[in-house]
């Protein structure tokens, strides 16, 4: 039902990030896009 999904600075703290990705894929329509962004705060 959705055309896009964005998650920023969250996947690195999840215990089971693969479940979050699977859920994002479930709600995406065909051709939908997932954008994942993160930061390496230790390197900043």
ModelCIF file with pLDDT and N, C-alpha, C, O atoms, coordinates in Angstrom:
data_MODEL
#
_entry.id   MODEL 
#
_entity.id                         1 
_entity.type                       polymer 
_entity.pdbx_number_of_molecules   1 
#
_entity_poly.entity_id                      1 
_entity_poly.type                           'polypeptide(L)' 
_entity_poly.nstd_linkage                   no 
_entity_poly.nstd_monomer                   no 
_entity_poly.pdbx_seq_one_letter_code       
;(UNK)(UNK)(UNK)(UNK)(UNK)(UNK)(UNK)(UNK)(UNK)(UNK)(UNK)(UNK)(UNK)(UNK)(UNK)(UNK)
(UNK)(UNK)(UNK)(UNK)(UNK)(UNK)(UNK)(UNK)(UNK)(UNK)(UNK)(UNK)(UNK)(UNK)(UNK)(UNK)
(UNK)(UNK)(UNK)(UNK)(UNK)(UNK)(UNK)(UNK)(UNK)(UNK)(UNK)(UNK)
;
_entity_poly.pdbx_seq_one_letter_code_can   XXXXXXXXXXXXXXXXXXXXXXXXXXXXXXXXXXXXXXXXXXXX 
_entity_poly.pdbx_strand_id                 A 
#
loop_
_entity_poly_seq.entity_id 
_entity_poly_seq.num 
_entity_poly_seq.mon_id 
_entity_poly_seq.hetero 
1 1  UNK n 
1 2  UNK n 
1 3  UNK n 
1 4  UNK n 
1 5  UNK n 
1 6  UNK n 
1 7  UNK n 
1 8  UNK n 
1 9  UNK n 
1 10 UNK n 
1 11 UNK n 
1 12 UNK n 
1 13 UNK n 
1 14 UNK n 
1 15 UNK n 
1 16 UNK n 
1 17 UNK n 
1 18 UNK n 
1 19 UNK n 
1 20 UNK n 
1 21 UNK n 
1 22 UNK n 
1 23 UNK n 
1 24 UNK n 
1 25 UNK n 
1 26 UNK n 
1 27 UNK n 
1 28 UNK n 
1 29 UNK n 
1 30 UNK n 
1 31 UNK n 
1 32 UNK n 
1 33 UNK n 
1 34 UNK n 
1 35 UNK n 
1 36 UNK n 
1 37 UNK n 
1 38 UNK n 
1 39 UNK n 
1 40 UNK n 
1 41 UNK n 
1 42 UNK n 
1 43 UNK n 
1 44 UNK n 
#
_struct_asym.id          A 
_struct_asym.entity_id   1 
#
loop_
_ma_qa_metric.id 
_ma_qa_metric.mode 
_ma_qa_metric.name 
_ma_qa_metric.software_group_id 
_ma_qa_metric.type 
1 global pLDDT . pLDDT 
2 local  pLDDT . pLDDT 
#
_ma_qa_metric_global.metric_id      1 
_ma_qa_metric_global.metric_value   88.64 
_ma_qa_metric_global.model_id       1 
_ma_qa_metric_global.ordinal_id     1 
#
loop_
_ma_qa_metric_local.label_asym_id 
_ma_qa_metric_local.label_comp_id 
_ma_qa_metric_local.label_seq_id 
_ma_qa_metric_local.metric_id 
_ma_qa_metric_local.metric_value 
_ma_qa_metric_local.model_id 
_ma_qa_metric_local.ordinal_id 
A UNK 1  2 97.00 1 1  
A UNK 2  2 96.00 1 2  
A UNK 3  2 97.00 1 3  
A UNK 4  2 94.00 1 4  
A UNK 5  2 90.00 1 5  
A UNK 6  2 93.00 1 6  
A UNK 7  2 90.00 1 7  
A UNK 8  2 89.00 1 8  
A UNK 9  2 86.00 1 9  
A UNK 10 2 87.00 1 10 
A UNK 11 2 84.00 1 11 
A UNK 12 2 83.00 1 12 
A UNK 13 2 87.00 1 13 
A UNK 14 2 90.00 1 14 
A UNK 15 2 94.00 1 15 
A UNK 16 2 94.00 1 16 
A UNK 17 2 90.00 1 17 
A UNK 18 2 92.00 1 18 
A UNK 19 2 94.00 1 19 
A UNK 20 2 91.00 1 20 
A UNK 21 2 89.00 1 21 
A UNK 22 2 93.00 1 22 
A UNK 23 2 93.00 1 23 
A UNK 24 2 91.00 1 24 
A UNK 25 2 92.00 1 25 
A UNK 26 2 95.00 1 26 
A UNK 27 2 96.00 1 27 
A UNK 28 2 96.00 1 28 
A UNK 29 2 97.00 1 29 
A UNK 30 2 96.00 1 30 
A UNK 31 2 95.00 1 31 
A UNK 32 2 95.00 1 32 
A UNK 33 2 94.00 1 33 
A UNK 34 2 90.00 1 34 
A UNK 35 2 92.00 1 35 
A UNK 36 2 87.00 1 36 
A UNK 37 2 88.00 1 37 
A UNK 38 2 83.00 1 38 
A UNK 39 2 76.00 1 39 
A UNK 40 2 70.00 1 40 
A UNK 41 2 69.00 1 41 
A UNK 42 2 73.00 1 42 
A UNK 43 2 69.00 1 43 
A UNK 44 2 63.00 1 44 
#
loop_
_atom_site.group_PDB 
_atom_site.id 
_atom_site.type_symbol 
_atom_site.label_atom_id 
_atom_site.label_alt_id 
_atom_site.label_comp_id 
_atom_site.label_asym_id 
_atom_site.label_entity_id 
_atom_site.label_seq_id 
_atom_site.pdbx_PDB_ins_code 
_atom_site.Cartn_x 
_atom_site.Cartn_y 
_atom_site.Cartn_z 
_atom_site.occupancy 
_atom_site.B_iso_or_equiv 
_atom_site.pdbx_formal_charge 
_atom_site.auth_seq_id 
_atom_site.auth_comp_id 
_atom_site.auth_asym_id 
_atom_site.auth_atom_id 
_atom_site.pdbx_PDB_model_num 
ATOM 1   N N  . UNK A 1 1  ? 0.782  -1.237 0.000  1.00 97.00 ? 1  UNK A N  1 
ATOM 2   C CA . UNK A 1 1  ? 0.000  0.000  0.000  1.00 97.00 ? 1  UNK A CA 1 
ATOM 3   C C  . UNK A 1 1  ? 0.817  1.292  0.000  1.00 97.00 ? 1  UNK A C  1 
ATOM 4   O O  . UNK A 1 1  ? 0.238  2.373  -0.112 1.00 97.00 ? 1  UNK A O  1 
ATOM 5   N N  . UNK A 1 2  ? 2.134  1.215  0.121  1.00 96.00 ? 2  UNK A N  1 
ATOM 6   C CA . UNK A 1 2  ? 2.927  2.452  0.139  1.00 96.00 ? 2  UNK A CA 1 
ATOM 7   C C  . UNK A 1 2  ? 3.952  2.448  -0.992 1.00 96.00 ? 2  UNK A C  1 
ATOM 8   O O  . UNK A 1 2  ? 4.411  1.395  -1.431 1.00 96.00 ? 2  UNK A O  1 
ATOM 9   N N  . UNK A 1 3  ? 4.294  3.634  -1.445 1.00 97.00 ? 3  UNK A N  1 
ATOM 10  C CA . UNK A 1 3  ? 5.237  3.765  -2.560 1.00 97.00 ? 3  UNK A CA 1 
ATOM 11  C C  . UNK A 1 3  ? 6.671  3.945  -2.081 1.00 97.00 ? 3  UNK A C  1 
ATOM 12  O O  . UNK A 1 3  ? 7.610  3.722  -2.844 1.00 97.00 ? 3  UNK A O  1 
ATOM 13  N N  . UNK A 1 4  ? 6.848  4.346  -0.826 1.00 94.00 ? 4  UNK A N  1 
ATOM 14  C CA . UNK A 1 4  ? 8.202  4.557  -0.345 1.00 94.00 ? 4  UNK A CA 1 
ATOM 15  C C  . UNK A 1 4  ? 8.301  4.367  1.162  1.00 94.00 ? 4  UNK A C  1 
ATOM 16  O O  . UNK A 1 4  ? 7.337  4.559  1.903  1.00 94.00 ? 4  UNK A O  1 
ATOM 17  N N  . UNK A 1 5  ? 9.488  3.987  1.582  1.00 90.00 ? 5  UNK A N  1 
ATOM 18  C CA . UNK A 1 5  ? 9.769  3.743  2.999  1.00 90.00 ? 5  UNK A CA 1 
ATOM 19  C C  . UNK A 1 5  ? 11.161 4.295  3.279  1.00 90.00 ? 5  UNK A C  1 
ATOM 20  O O  . UNK A 1 5  ? 12.103 4.017  2.537  1.00 90.00 ? 5  UNK A O  1 
ATOM 21  N N  . UNK A 1 6  ? 11.292 5.063  4.332  1.00 93.00 ? 6  UNK A N  1 
ATOM 22  C CA . UNK A 1 6  ? 12.593 5.625  4.697  1.00 93.00 ? 6  UNK A CA 1 
ATOM 23  C C  . UNK A 1 6  ? 12.851 5.370  6.177  1.00 93.00 ? 6  UNK A C  1 
ATOM 24  O O  . UNK A 1 6  ? 11.984 5.589  7.023  1.00 93.00 ? 6  UNK A O  1 
ATOM 25  N N  . UNK A 1 7  ? 14.047 4.908  6.464  1.00 90.00 ? 7  UNK A N  1 
ATOM 26  C CA . UNK A 1 7  ? 14.471 4.708  7.850  1.00 90.00 ? 7  UNK A CA 1 
ATOM 27  C C  . UNK A 1 7  ? 15.862 5.307  7.997  1.00 90.00 ? 7  UNK A C  1 
ATOM 28  O O  . UNK A 1 7  ? 16.764 4.999  7.218  1.00 90.00 ? 7  UNK A O  1 
ATOM 29  N N  . UNK A 1 8  ? 16.031 6.153  8.986  1.00 89.00 ? 8  UNK A N  1 
ATOM 30  C CA . UNK A 1 8  ? 17.315 6.817  9.177  1.00 89.00 ? 8  UNK A CA 1 
ATOM 31  C C  . UNK A 1 8  ? 17.809 6.576  10.598 1.00 89.00 ? 8  UNK A C  1 
ATOM 32  O O  . UNK A 1 8  ? 17.081 6.775  11.570 1.00 89.00 ? 8  UNK A O  1 
ATOM 33  N N  . UNK A 1 9  ? 19.035 6.153  10.692 1.00 86.00 ? 9  UNK A N  1 
ATOM 34  C CA . UNK A 1 9  ? 19.738 5.906  11.953 1.00 86.00 ? 9  UNK A CA 1 
ATOM 35  C C  . UNK A 1 9  ? 18.938 5.046  12.938 1.00 86.00 ? 9  UNK A C  1 
ATOM 36  O O  . UNK A 1 9  ? 18.849 5.354  14.127 1.00 86.00 ? 9  UNK A O  1 
ATOM 37  N N  . UNK A 1 10 ? 18.367 3.973  12.418 1.00 87.00 ? 10 UNK A N  1 
ATOM 38  C CA . UNK A 1 10 ? 17.609 3.080  13.299 1.00 87.00 ? 10 UNK A CA 1 
ATOM 39  C C  . UNK A 1 10 ? 18.045 1.623  13.176 1.00 87.00 ? 10 UNK A C  1 
ATOM 40  O O  . UNK A 1 10 ? 18.047 0.904  14.175 1.00 87.00 ? 10 UNK A O  1 
ATOM 41  N N  . UNK A 1 11 ? 18.411 1.172  11.990 1.00 84.00 ? 11 UNK A N  1 
ATOM 42  C CA . UNK A 1 11 ? 18.668 -0.253 11.787 1.00 84.00 ? 11 UNK A CA 1 
ATOM 43  C C  . UNK A 1 11 ? 19.860 -0.769 12.586 1.00 84.00 ? 11 UNK A C  1 
ATOM 44  O O  . UNK A 1 11 ? 19.898 -1.947 12.939 1.00 84.00 ? 11 UNK A O  1 
ATOM 45  N N  . UNK A 1 12 ? 20.814 0.075  12.872 1.00 83.00 ? 12 UNK A N  1 
ATOM 46  C CA . UNK A 1 12 ? 21.983 -0.375 13.621 1.00 83.00 ? 12 UNK A CA 1 
ATOM 47  C C  . UNK A 1 12 ? 21.670 -0.646 15.091 1.00 83.00 ? 12 UNK A C  1 
ATOM 48  O O  . UNK A 1 12 ? 22.473 -1.282 15.773 1.00 83.00 ? 12 UNK A O  1 
ATOM 49  N N  . UNK A 1 13 ? 20.541 -0.187 15.592 1.00 87.00 ? 13 UNK A N  1 
ATOM 50  C CA . UNK A 1 13 ? 20.193 -0.426 16.994 1.00 87.00 ? 13 UNK A CA 1 
ATOM 51  C C  . UNK A 1 13 ? 19.136 -1.513 17.169 1.00 87.00 ? 13 UNK A C  1 
ATOM 52  O O  . UNK A 1 13 ? 18.838 -1.901 18.298 1.00 87.00 ? 13 UNK A O  1 
ATOM 53  N N  . UNK A 1 14 ? 18.572 -2.007 16.085 1.00 90.00 ? 14 UNK A N  1 
ATOM 54  C CA . UNK A 1 14 ? 17.554 -3.052 16.176 1.00 90.00 ? 14 UNK A CA 1 
ATOM 55  C C  . UNK A 1 14 ? 18.205 -4.410 16.435 1.00 90.00 ? 14 UNK A C  1 
ATOM 56  O O  . UNK A 1 14 ? 19.266 -4.711 15.888 1.00 90.00 ? 14 UNK A O  1 
ATOM 57  N N  . UNK A 1 15 ? 17.571 -5.214 17.262 1.00 94.00 ? 15 UNK A N  1 
ATOM 58  C CA . UNK A 1 15 ? 18.084 -6.560 17.520 1.00 94.00 ? 15 UNK A CA 1 
ATOM 59  C C  . UNK A 1 15 ? 17.849 -7.485 16.338 1.00 94.00 ? 15 UNK A C  1 
ATOM 60  O O  . UNK A 1 15 ? 18.637 -8.400 16.098 1.00 94.00 ? 15 UNK A O  1 
ATOM 61  N N  . UNK A 1 16 ? 16.771 -7.255 15.600 1.00 94.00 ? 16 UNK A N  1 
ATOM 62  C CA . UNK A 1 16 ? 16.445 -8.080 14.427 1.00 94.00 ? 16 UNK A CA 1 
ATOM 63  C C  . UNK A 1 16 ? 16.118 -7.181 13.234 1.00 94.00 ? 16 UNK A C  1 
ATOM 64  O O  . UNK A 1 16 ? 14.956 -7.084 12.839 1.00 94.00 ? 16 UNK A O  1 
ATOM 65  N N  . UNK A 1 17 ? 17.127 -6.524 12.656 1.00 90.00 ? 17 UNK A N  1 
ATOM 66  C CA . UNK A 1 17 ? 16.852 -5.610 11.544 1.00 90.00 ? 17 UNK A CA 1 
ATOM 67  C C  . UNK A 1 17 ? 16.232 -6.293 10.330 1.00 90.00 ? 17 UNK A C  1 
ATOM 68  O O  . UNK A 1 17 ? 15.532 -5.651 9.547  1.00 90.00 ? 17 UNK A O  1 
ATOM 69  N N  . UNK A 1 18 ? 16.483 -7.575 10.172 1.00 92.00 ? 18 UNK A N  1 
ATOM 70  C CA . UNK A 1 18 ? 15.897 -8.281 9.031  1.00 92.00 ? 18 UNK A CA 1 
ATOM 71  C C  . UNK A 1 18 ? 14.376 -8.316 9.115  1.00 92.00 ? 18 UNK A C  1 
ATOM 72  O O  . UNK A 1 18 ? 13.706 -8.350 8.083  1.00 92.00 ? 18 UNK A O  1 
ATOM 73  N N  . UNK A 1 19 ? 13.821 -8.310 10.315 1.00 94.00 ? 19 UNK A N  1 
ATOM 74  C CA . UNK A 1 19 ? 12.360 -8.270 10.470 1.00 94.00 ? 19 UNK A CA 1 
ATOM 75  C C  . UNK A 1 19 ? 11.807 -6.922 10.029 1.00 94.00 ? 19 UNK A C  1 
ATOM 76  O O  . UNK A 1 19 ? 10.735 -6.857 9.426  1.00 94.00 ? 19 UNK A O  1 
ATOM 77  N N  . UNK A 1 20 ? 12.528 -5.852 10.323 1.00 91.00 ? 20 UNK A N  1 
ATOM 78  C CA . UNK A 1 20 ? 12.091 -4.516 9.907  1.00 91.00 ? 20 UNK A CA 1 
ATOM 79  C C  . UNK A 1 20 ? 12.130 -4.383 8.385  1.00 91.00 ? 20 UNK A C  1 
ATOM 80  O O  . UNK A 1 20 ? 11.231 -3.790 7.789  1.00 91.00 ? 20 UNK A O  1 
ATOM 81  N N  . UNK A 1 21 ? 13.162 -4.928 7.762  1.00 89.00 ? 21 UNK A N  1 
ATOM 82  C CA . UNK A 1 21 ? 13.261 -4.883 6.304  1.00 89.00 ? 21 UNK A CA 1 
ATOM 83  C C  . UNK A 1 21 ? 12.138 -5.711 5.675  1.00 89.00 ? 21 UNK A C  1 
ATOM 84  O O  . UNK A 1 21 ? 11.536 -5.297 4.685  1.00 89.00 ? 21 UNK A O  1 
ATOM 85  N N  . UNK A 1 22 ? 11.865 -6.867 6.250  1.00 93.00 ? 22 UNK A N  1 
ATOM 86  C CA . UNK A 1 22 ? 10.787 -7.714 5.726  1.00 93.00 ? 22 UNK A CA 1 
ATOM 87  C C  . UNK A 1 22 ? 9.441  -6.996 5.819  1.00 93.00 ? 22 UNK A C  1 
ATOM 88  O O  . UNK A 1 22 ? 8.621  -7.093 4.906  1.00 93.00 ? 22 UNK A O  1 
ATOM 89  N N  . UNK A 1 23 ? 9.213  -6.283 6.906  1.00 93.00 ? 23 UNK A N  1 
ATOM 90  C CA . UNK A 1 23 ? 7.957  -5.553 7.059  1.00 93.00 ? 23 UNK A CA 1 
ATOM 91  C C  . UNK A 1 23 ? 7.889  -4.393 6.071  1.00 93.00 ? 23 UNK A C  1 
ATOM 92  O O  . UNK A 1 23 ? 6.824  -4.125 5.515  1.00 93.00 ? 23 UNK A O  1 
ATOM 93  N N  . UNK A 1 24 ? 8.987  -3.711 5.846  1.00 91.00 ? 24 UNK A N  1 
ATOM 94  C CA . UNK A 1 24 ? 9.017  -2.629 4.861  1.00 91.00 ? 24 UNK A CA 1 
ATOM 95  C C  . UNK A 1 24 ? 8.714  -3.178 3.475  1.00 91.00 ? 24 UNK A C  1 
ATOM 96  O O  . UNK A 1 24 ? 7.953  -2.569 2.722  1.00 91.00 ? 24 UNK A O  1 
ATOM 97  N N  . UNK A 1 25 ? 9.286  -4.299 3.135  1.00 92.00 ? 25 UNK A N  1 
ATOM 98  C CA . UNK A 1 25 ? 9.021  -4.912 1.827  1.00 92.00 ? 25 UNK A CA 1 
ATOM 99  C C  . UNK A 1 25 ? 7.556  -5.321 1.702  1.00 92.00 ? 25 UNK A C  1 
ATOM 100 O O  . UNK A 1 25 ? 6.971  -5.217 0.624  1.00 92.00 ? 25 UNK A O  1 
ATOM 101 N N  . UNK A 1 26 ? 6.965  -5.785 2.798  1.00 95.00 ? 26 UNK A N  1 
ATOM 102 C CA . UNK A 1 26 ? 5.570  -6.218 2.778  1.00 95.00 ? 26 UNK A CA 1 
ATOM 103 C C  . UNK A 1 26 ? 4.643  -5.063 2.408  1.00 95.00 ? 26 UNK A C  1 
ATOM 104 O O  . UNK A 1 26 ? 3.709  -5.252 1.629  1.00 95.00 ? 26 UNK A O  1 
ATOM 105 N N  . UNK A 1 27 ? 4.881  -3.890 2.946  1.00 96.00 ? 27 UNK A N  1 
ATOM 106 C CA . UNK A 1 27 ? 3.962  -2.779 2.718  1.00 96.00 ? 27 UNK A CA 1 
ATOM 107 C C  . UNK A 1 27 ? 4.238  -2.031 1.417  1.00 96.00 ? 27 UNK A C  1 
ATOM 108 O O  . UNK A 1 27 ? 3.405  -1.241 0.972  1.00 96.00 ? 27 UNK A O  1 
ATOM 109 N N  . UNK A 1 28 ? 5.393  -2.267 0.803  1.00 96.00 ? 28 UNK A N  1 
ATOM 110 C CA . UNK A 1 28 ? 5.714  -1.569 -0.440 1.00 96.00 ? 28 UNK A CA 1 
ATOM 111 C C  . UNK A 1 28 ? 4.921  -2.111 -1.624 1.00 96.00 ? 28 UNK A C  1 
ATOM 112 O O  . UNK A 1 28 ? 4.704  -3.316 -1.754 1.00 96.00 ? 28 UNK A O  1 
ATOM 113 N N  . UNK A 1 29 ? 4.502  -1.203 -2.469 1.00 97.00 ? 29 UNK A N  1 
ATOM 114 C CA . UNK A 1 29 ? 3.850  -1.610 -3.712 1.00 97.00 ? 29 UNK A CA 1 
ATOM 115 C C  . UNK A 1 29 ? 4.929  -2.054 -4.700 1.00 97.00 ? 29 UNK A C  1 
ATOM 116 O O  . UNK A 1 29 ? 6.101  -1.736 -4.498 1.00 97.00 ? 29 UNK A O  1 
ATOM 117 N N  . UNK A 1 30 ? 4.573  -2.770 -5.747 1.00 96.00 ? 30 UNK A N  1 
ATOM 118 C CA . UNK A 1 30 ? 5.559  -3.140 -6.758 1.00 96.00 ? 30 UNK A CA 1 
ATOM 119 C C  . UNK A 1 30 ? 6.245  -1.884 -7.308 1.00 96.00 ? 30 UNK A C  1 
ATOM 120 O O  . UNK A 1 30 ? 5.582  -0.911 -7.666 1.00 96.00 ? 30 UNK A O  1 
ATOM 121 N N  . UNK A 1 31 ? 7.558  -1.920 -7.368 1.00 95.00 ? 31 UNK A N  1 
ATOM 122 C CA . UNK A 1 31 ? 8.326  -0.764 -7.828 1.00 95.00 ? 31 UNK A CA 1 
ATOM 123 C C  . UNK A 1 31 ? 8.578  0.268  -6.745 1.00 95.00 ? 31 UNK A C  1 
ATOM 124 O O  . UNK A 1 31 ? 9.220  1.286  -7.001 1.00 95.00 ? 31 UNK A O  1 
ATOM 125 N N  . UNK A 1 32 ? 8.078  0.022  -5.526 1.00 95.00 ? 32 UNK A N  1 
ATOM 126 C CA . UNK A 1 32 ? 8.307  0.947  -4.415 1.00 95.00 ? 32 UNK A CA 1 
ATOM 127 C C  . UNK A 1 32 ? 9.776  0.983  -4.027 1.00 95.00 ? 32 UNK A C  1 
ATOM 128 O O  . UNK A 1 32 ? 10.555 0.116  -4.425 1.00 95.00 ? 32 UNK A O  1 
ATOM 129 N N  . UNK A 1 33 ? 10.145 1.978  -3.258 1.00 94.00 ? 33 UNK A N  1 
ATOM 130 C CA . UNK A 1 33 ? 11.548 2.149  -2.889 1.00 94.00 ? 33 UNK A CA 1 
ATOM 131 C C  . UNK A 1 33 ? 11.734 2.194  -1.384 1.00 94.00 ? 33 UNK A C  1 
ATOM 132 O O  . UNK A 1 33 ? 10.919 2.745  -0.643 1.00 94.00 ? 33 UNK A O  1 
ATOM 133 N N  . UNK A 1 34 ? 12.833 1.596  -0.963 1.00 90.00 ? 34 UNK A N  1 
ATOM 134 C CA . UNK A 1 34 ? 13.261 1.660  0.432  1.00 90.00 ? 34 UNK A CA 1 
ATOM 135 C C  . UNK A 1 34 ? 14.543 2.476  0.468  1.00 90.00 ? 34 UNK A C  1 
ATOM 136 O O  . UNK A 1 34 ? 15.472 2.222  -0.298 1.00 90.00 ? 34 UNK A O  1 
ATOM 137 N N  . UNK A 1 35 ? 14.587 3.447  1.354  1.00 92.00 ? 35 UNK A N  1 
ATOM 138 C CA . UNK A 1 35 ? 15.809 4.232  1.562  1.00 92.00 ? 35 UNK A CA 1 
ATOM 139 C C  . UNK A 1 35 ? 16.234 4.025  3.007  1.00 92.00 ? 35 UNK A C  1 
ATOM 140 O O  . UNK A 1 35 ? 15.493 4.334  3.940  1.00 92.00 ? 35 UNK A O  1 
ATOM 141 N N  . UNK A 1 36 ? 17.434 3.499  3.171  1.00 87.00 ? 36 UNK A N  1 
ATOM 142 C CA . UNK A 1 36 ? 18.003 3.305  4.500  1.00 87.00 ? 36 UNK A CA 1 
ATOM 143 C C  . UNK A 1 36 ? 19.226 4.201  4.620  1.00 87.00 ? 36 UNK A C  1 
ATOM 144 O O  . UNK A 1 36 ? 20.096 4.195  3.750  1.00 87.00 ? 36 UNK A O  1 
ATOM 145 N N  . UNK A 1 37 ? 19.289 4.953  5.677  1.00 88.00 ? 37 UNK A N  1 
ATOM 146 C CA . UNK A 1 37 ? 20.417 5.854  5.891  1.00 88.00 ? 37 UNK A CA 1 
ATOM 147 C C  . UNK A 1 37 ? 20.920 5.675  7.308  1.00 88.00 ? 37 UNK A C  1 
ATOM 148 O O  . UNK A 1 37 ? 20.153 5.423  8.238  1.00 88.00 ? 37 UNK A O  1 
ATOM 149 N N  . UNK A 1 38 ? 22.201 5.808  7.446  1.00 83.00 ? 38 UNK A N  1 
ATOM 150 C CA . UNK A 1 38 ? 22.788 5.693  8.772  1.00 83.00 ? 38 UNK A CA 1 
ATOM 151 C C  . UNK A 1 38 ? 24.048 6.515  8.856  1.00 83.00 ? 38 UNK A C  1 
ATOM 152 O O  . UNK A 1 38 ? 24.566 7.006  7.853  1.00 83.00 ? 38 UNK A O  1 
ATOM 153 N N  . UNK A 1 39 ? 24.527 6.653  10.067 1.00 76.00 ? 39 UNK A N  1 
ATOM 154 C CA . UNK A 1 39 ? 25.749 7.413  10.299 1.00 76.00 ? 39 UNK A CA 1 
ATOM 155 C C  . UNK A 1 39 ? 26.663 6.617  11.219 1.00 76.00 ? 39 UNK A C  1 
ATOM 156 O O  . UNK A 1 39 ? 26.215 5.962  12.161 1.00 76.00 ? 39 UNK A O  1 
ATOM 157 N N  . UNK A 1 40 ? 27.914 6.689  10.929 1.00 70.00 ? 40 UNK A N  1 
ATOM 158 C CA . UNK A 1 40 ? 28.910 6.122  11.836 1.00 70.00 ? 40 UNK A CA 1 
ATOM 159 C C  . UNK A 1 40 ? 29.361 7.254  12.738 1.00 70.00 ? 40 UNK A C  1 
ATOM 160 O O  . UNK A 1 40 ? 30.311 7.971  12.425 1.00 70.00 ? 40 UNK A O  1 
ATOM 161 N N  . UNK A 1 41 ? 28.680 7.408  13.850 1.00 69.00 ? 41 UNK A N  1 
ATOM 162 C CA . UNK A 1 41 ? 28.948 8.532  14.744 1.00 69.00 ? 41 UNK A CA 1 
ATOM 163 C C  . UNK A 1 41 ? 30.362 8.487  15.328 1.00 69.00 ? 41 UNK A C  1 
ATOM 164 O O  . UNK A 1 41 ? 30.922 9.529  15.670 1.00 69.00 ? 41 UNK A O  1 
ATOM 165 N N  . UNK A 1 42 ? 30.934 7.306  15.442 1.00 73.00 ? 42 UNK A N  1 
ATOM 166 C CA . UNK A 1 42 ? 32.292 7.199  15.957 1.00 73.00 ? 42 UNK A CA 1 
ATOM 167 C C  . UNK A 1 42 ? 33.305 7.783  14.969 1.00 73.00 ? 42 UNK A C  1 
ATOM 168 O O  . UNK A 1 42 ? 34.356 8.276  15.380 1.00 73.00 ? 42 UNK A O  1 
ATOM 169 N N  . UNK A 1 43 ? 33.000 7.729  13.689 1.00 69.00 ? 43 UNK A N  1 
ATOM 170 C CA . UNK A 1 43 ? 33.912 8.250  12.679 1.00 69.00 ? 43 UNK A CA 1 
ATOM 171 C C  . UNK A 1 43 ? 33.723 9.742  12.436 1.00 69.00 ? 43 UNK A C  1 
ATOM 172 O O  . UNK A 1 43 ? 34.573 10.384 11.818 1.00 69.00 ? 43 UNK A O  1 
ATOM 173 N N  . UNK A 1 44 ? 32.625 10.290 12.912 1.00 63.00 ? 44 UNK A N  1 
ATOM 174 C CA . UNK A 1 44 ? 32.336 11.714 12.675 1.00 63.00 ? 44 UNK A CA 1 
ATOM 175 C C  . UNK A 1 44 ? 33.183 12.609 13.548 1.00 63.00 ? 44 UNK A C  1 
ATOM 176 O O  . UNK A 1 44 ? 33.066 13.832 13.475 1.00 63.00 ? 44 UNK A O  1 
#
